[in-house]
Protein backbone atom coordinates (compact mmCIF):
# COMPACT_ATOMS: atom_id res chain seq x y z
CA MET A 1 0.00 0.00 0.00
CA SER A 2 1.46 3.35 -1.02
CA LYS A 3 2.13 5.99 1.62
CA PRO A 4 0.50 9.45 1.49
CA LEU A 5 2.11 12.76 0.55
CA ILE A 6 3.85 14.86 3.20
CA VAL A 7 4.84 18.52 2.73
CA ILE A 8 7.97 19.85 4.46
CA THR A 9 8.94 23.52 4.46
CA GLY A 10 12.47 24.70 5.18
CA ALA A 11 13.69 21.32 3.95
CA SER A 12 17.07 22.38 2.55
CA SER A 13 19.04 21.78 5.76
CA GLY A 14 18.84 20.99 9.47
CA ILE A 15 15.60 19.62 10.90
CA GLY A 16 13.74 19.85 7.59
CA ALA A 17 16.33 17.86 5.64
CA ALA A 18 16.61 15.24 8.39
CA THR A 19 12.84 14.84 8.48
CA ALA A 20 12.71 14.52 4.70
CA ARG A 21 15.31 11.73 4.70
CA LEU A 22 13.50 9.85 7.45
CA LEU A 23 10.03 10.05 5.90
CA SER A 24 11.36 9.24 2.44
CA ALA A 25 13.08 6.13 3.80
CA GLN A 26 9.68 5.07 5.13
CA GLY A 27 8.17 5.34 1.66
CA HIS A 28 6.38 8.67 1.70
CA PRO A 29 6.26 10.86 -1.40
CA LEU A 30 7.32 14.36 -0.45
CA LEU A 31 6.93 17.98 -1.42
CA LEU A 32 10.05 19.80 -0.23
CA LEU A 33 10.04 23.57 -0.11
CA ALA A 34 12.87 26.03 0.51
CA ARG A 35 14.42 29.03 -1.17
CA ARG A 36 17.58 27.04 -1.99
CA LEU A 37 16.31 24.68 -4.67
CA GLN A 38 19.73 23.17 -5.33
CA LYS A 39 20.04 22.04 -1.70
CA LEU A 40 16.68 20.28 -1.95
CA GLU A 41 17.66 18.52 -5.15
CA GLU A 42 20.98 17.42 -3.65
CA LEU A 43 19.03 15.29 -1.16
CA SER A 44 18.22 13.05 -4.17
CA LEU A 45 15.15 11.49 -2.59
CA PRO A 46 12.77 9.30 -4.64
CA GLU A 47 9.18 10.34 -5.30
CA THR A 48 9.98 13.88 -4.25
CA LEU A 49 8.94 17.18 -5.78
CA CYS A 50 11.35 20.01 -4.94
CA ARG A 51 10.32 23.63 -5.38
CA GLY A 52 12.28 26.80 -4.63
CA VAL A 53 9.50 28.52 -2.72
CA ASP A 54 9.73 31.16 -0.01
CA VAL A 55 6.85 30.32 2.34
CA THR A 56 6.09 34.01 2.75
CA ASP A 57 4.85 33.86 -0.87
CA ARG A 58 1.35 32.54 -0.26
CA ASP A 59 0.44 32.05 -3.92
CA ALA A 60 3.64 30.16 -4.74
CA LEU A 61 3.19 27.94 -1.70
CA GLN A 62 -0.40 27.13 -2.64
CA ALA A 63 0.61 26.39 -6.24
CA ALA A 64 3.38 24.01 -5.14
CA VAL A 65 1.00 22.08 -2.88
CA ARG A 66 -1.58 21.77 -5.67
CA GLU A 67 1.11 20.52 -8.06
CA ALA A 68 2.32 17.90 -5.57
CA GLU A 69 -1.21 16.74 -4.80
CA GLU A 70 -1.95 16.31 -8.50
CA ARG A 71 1.09 14.06 -8.75
CA PHE A 72 1.02 12.14 -5.46
CA GLY A 73 -2.50 12.53 -4.08
CA PRO A 74 -3.77 14.56 -1.11
CA ALA A 75 -1.32 15.85 1.49
CA ASP A 76 -1.73 13.84 4.67
CA ALA A 77 0.63 16.06 6.68
CA ILE A 78 2.61 19.25 6.57
CA VAL A 79 5.72 19.95 8.64
CA ASN A 80 5.90 23.73 8.96
CA ASN A 81 9.60 23.88 9.69
CA ALA A 82 10.75 27.00 7.80
CA GLY A 83 11.85 29.72 10.17
CA VAL A 84 14.53 32.24 11.00
CA MET A 85 16.19 33.27 14.27
CA LEU A 86 17.53 36.81 14.31
CA LEU A 87 18.65 37.58 17.83
CA GLY A 88 19.02 41.11 19.10
CA ARG A 89 18.02 43.68 21.70
CA ILE A 90 14.78 45.52 20.95
CA ALA A 91 16.46 48.88 21.65
CA ASP A 92 18.96 48.52 18.83
CA GLN A 93 17.93 45.62 16.58
CA ASP A 94 17.11 46.52 12.98
CA ALA A 95 13.32 46.57 12.71
CA ASP A 96 13.61 44.87 9.32
CA GLU A 97 14.74 41.77 11.23
CA TRP A 98 11.50 41.82 13.22
CA GLU A 99 9.55 42.01 9.97
CA ARG A 100 11.44 39.05 8.51
CA MET A 101 10.78 36.89 11.58
CA ILE A 102 7.09 37.83 11.71
CA ASP A 103 6.68 37.12 7.99
CA LEU A 104 8.49 33.78 8.03
CA ASN A 105 7.89 32.40 11.52
CA ILE A 106 4.22 33.38 11.81
CA LYS A 107 2.76 34.18 8.40
CA GLY A 108 4.73 31.38 6.73
CA VAL A 109 3.26 28.88 9.19
CA LEU A 110 -0.25 30.21 8.61
CA TYR A 111 0.20 30.03 4.83
CA GLY A 112 1.42 26.45 5.09
CA ILE A 113 -1.57 25.51 7.21
CA ARG A 114 -4.01 27.18 4.83
CA ALA A 115 -2.51 25.40 1.81
CA VAL A 116 -3.46 21.94 3.16
CA LEU A 117 -6.12 22.40 5.85
CA PRO A 118 -9.31 22.77 3.78
CA GLY A 119 -8.61 19.46 2.04
CA MET A 120 -7.81 17.75 5.33
CA VAL A 121 -11.04 18.97 6.94
CA ALA A 122 -13.03 17.83 3.89
CA ARG A 123 -11.45 14.35 4.07
CA GLY A 124 -11.72 14.14 7.86
CA THR A 125 -8.04 13.35 8.35
CA GLY A 126 -4.60 14.98 8.33
CA THR A 127 -1.80 16.21 10.54
CA ILE A 128 -0.41 19.73 10.93
CA ILE A 129 3.04 19.74 12.56
CA ASN A 130 4.41 23.16 13.51
CA VAL A 131 8.05 23.40 14.50
CA SER A 132 8.31 26.01 17.22
CA SER A 133 10.94 26.24 19.96
CA VAL A 134 11.46 26.14 23.70
CA ALA A 135 11.56 29.90 23.07
CA GLY A 136 7.83 29.59 22.41
CA ARG A 137 7.35 28.68 26.07
CA LYS A 138 9.89 30.82 27.96
CA THR A 139 12.08 33.87 27.44
CA TYR A 140 15.82 34.26 26.83
CA PRO A 141 18.22 37.23 26.73
CA ASN A 142 18.39 38.96 23.31
CA HIS A 143 15.48 36.88 22.00
CA SER A 144 12.53 39.27 22.47
CA ALA A 145 11.23 39.50 18.89
CA TYR A 146 12.08 35.86 18.12
CA VAL A 147 10.38 34.68 21.32
CA GLY A 148 7.33 36.70 20.31
CA THR A 149 7.06 34.83 17.01
CA LYS A 150 7.49 31.43 18.63
CA PHE A 151 4.96 32.16 21.38
CA ALA A 152 2.63 32.98 18.48
CA VAL A 153 3.29 29.59 16.88
CA HIS A 154 2.42 27.84 20.14
CA ALA A 155 -0.75 29.89 20.57
CA LEU A 156 -2.04 29.56 17.03
CA SER A 157 -1.27 25.83 17.03
CA GLU A 158 -3.29 25.21 20.20
CA ASN A 159 -6.19 27.35 19.02
CA LEU A 160 -6.16 25.61 15.63
CA ARG A 161 -6.16 22.22 17.36
CA GLU A 162 -9.34 23.20 19.18
CA GLU A 163 -10.92 24.37 15.91
CA VAL A 164 -10.25 21.20 13.93
CA ALA A 165 -10.25 18.42 16.55
CA SER A 166 -13.83 17.45 15.73
CA SER A 167 -12.88 17.24 12.03
CA GLY A 168 -10.34 14.48 12.61
CA VAL A 169 -7.34 16.75 11.93
CA ARG A 170 -4.43 16.65 14.38
CA VAL A 171 -2.23 19.62 15.30
CA VAL A 172 1.20 19.00 16.83
CA THR A 173 3.74 21.50 18.18
CA ILE A 174 7.40 20.49 18.25
CA ALA A 175 9.45 22.66 20.60
CA PRO A 176 13.18 21.90 20.54
CA GLY A 177 15.86 23.63 22.53
CA ALA A 178 19.15 24.51 20.85
CA VAL A 179 19.78 22.42 17.73
CA GLU A 180 22.91 22.17 15.61
CA THR A 181 21.56 23.90 12.50
CA GLU A 182 22.25 26.98 10.38
CA LEU A 183 19.69 28.99 12.36
CA LEU A 184 22.16 31.05 14.39
CA SER A 185 24.15 32.04 11.28
CA HIS A 186 21.44 34.52 10.26
CA THR A 187 21.94 36.64 13.40
CA THR A 188 23.92 39.76 12.50
CA ASP A 189 25.19 40.75 15.97
CA GLU A 190 28.54 38.96 16.31
CA ARG A 191 28.70 39.42 20.08
CA ILE A 192 25.32 37.78 20.54
CA LYS A 193 26.33 34.93 18.22
CA SER A 194 29.53 34.38 20.20
CA ASP A 195 27.65 34.38 23.51
CA TYR A 196 25.09 31.92 22.13
CA GLU A 197 27.80 29.52 20.95
CA ALA A 198 29.45 29.71 24.38
CA TRP A 199 26.08 28.99 26.02
CA LYS A 200 25.59 25.90 23.81
CA LYS A 201 29.07 24.67 24.68
CA SER A 202 28.44 25.14 28.41
CA ALA A 203 25.35 22.92 28.03
CA GLY A 204 27.43 20.15 26.52
CA GLY A 205 26.28 20.84 22.97
CA ALA A 206 22.97 21.07 21.19
CA LEU A 207 20.54 18.51 19.78
CA ASP A 208 21.24 16.71 16.52
CA PRO A 209 18.60 17.57 13.87
CA GLN A 210 18.01 13.83 13.45
CA THR A 211 16.74 13.65 17.03
CA VAL A 212 14.14 16.33 16.33
CA ALA A 213 13.18 14.62 13.07
CA GLU A 214 12.56 11.40 14.97
CA ALA A 215 10.27 13.26 17.38
CA ILE A 216 8.32 14.69 14.44
CA VAL A 217 7.90 11.26 12.87
CA TYR A 218 6.93 9.73 16.23
CA ALA A 219 4.11 12.23 16.61
CA TYR A 220 2.95 11.72 13.05
CA GLN A 221 2.90 7.94 13.28
CA GLN A 222 0.54 7.75 16.25
CA PRO A 223 -2.90 6.23 15.55
CA PRO A 224 -5.32 8.73 13.94
CA ASN A 225 -7.29 9.01 17.18
CA VAL A 226 -4.19 10.06 19.15
CA THR A 227 -2.73 13.57 19.03
CA ILE A 228 0.64 14.29 20.62
CA ARG A 229 -0.23 17.92 21.23
CA GLU A 230 3.30 19.07 22.06
CA ILE A 231 6.79 17.65 22.31
CA VAL A 232 9.40 19.71 24.17
CA LEU A 233 12.94 18.37 23.90
CA ALA A 234 16.39 19.73 24.57
CA ALA A 235 19.91 18.60 25.32
CA THR A 236 20.10 17.25 28.86
CA GLY A 237 22.65 19.87 29.81
CA GLN A 238 20.48 22.76 28.64
CA GLN A 239 19.12 24.13 31.91
CA ALA A 240 16.95 26.94 30.49
């Protein structure tokens, strides 16, 4: 029996790429989305449609999902993993960085949900998996705007779960602590980046993206009548 289609955003590296490899190995056709199309294609996964889509482009995201569904059938799940972490102090951080995080971390998640949710509700089945962060549950120095976007992901995910629970659609929030990905590289304040790296080292290192991918797949593979509402995971040495 063939496996259903799964959509993964931000799939060019880190958690998204690890999740793509894992789900592909289990036989799922995939729609992989990221701005870096070449990185997606380098994964060389079978039965996979790769599209160079920025998830802040609602029309392009919708079009890619429709194209994948025409080829592989209805999307049974989406992993809204695309996101950006731009750390800084509110008093001196470039406001354009706030805009980028709001557009990608909040609007991008909403656009991903909207691209698949109507079909899921109509079919009475489906899983929305939103990758948030421990920073969606507590605060950290120099994280104010980023924390705001991740608290939003937690809130919208829980409210959405309440909206669609009676329709047979599951909503899962994945909240990892520090992960060894490219996320920190986008921060422009070198002092903050240095302090963050020192903090990770003091905690004995960060999570491997594969570990987070396994948590995502664990939640997805539960029976349809079971929703893992939230998974919070972090390196054992990460105190905060």
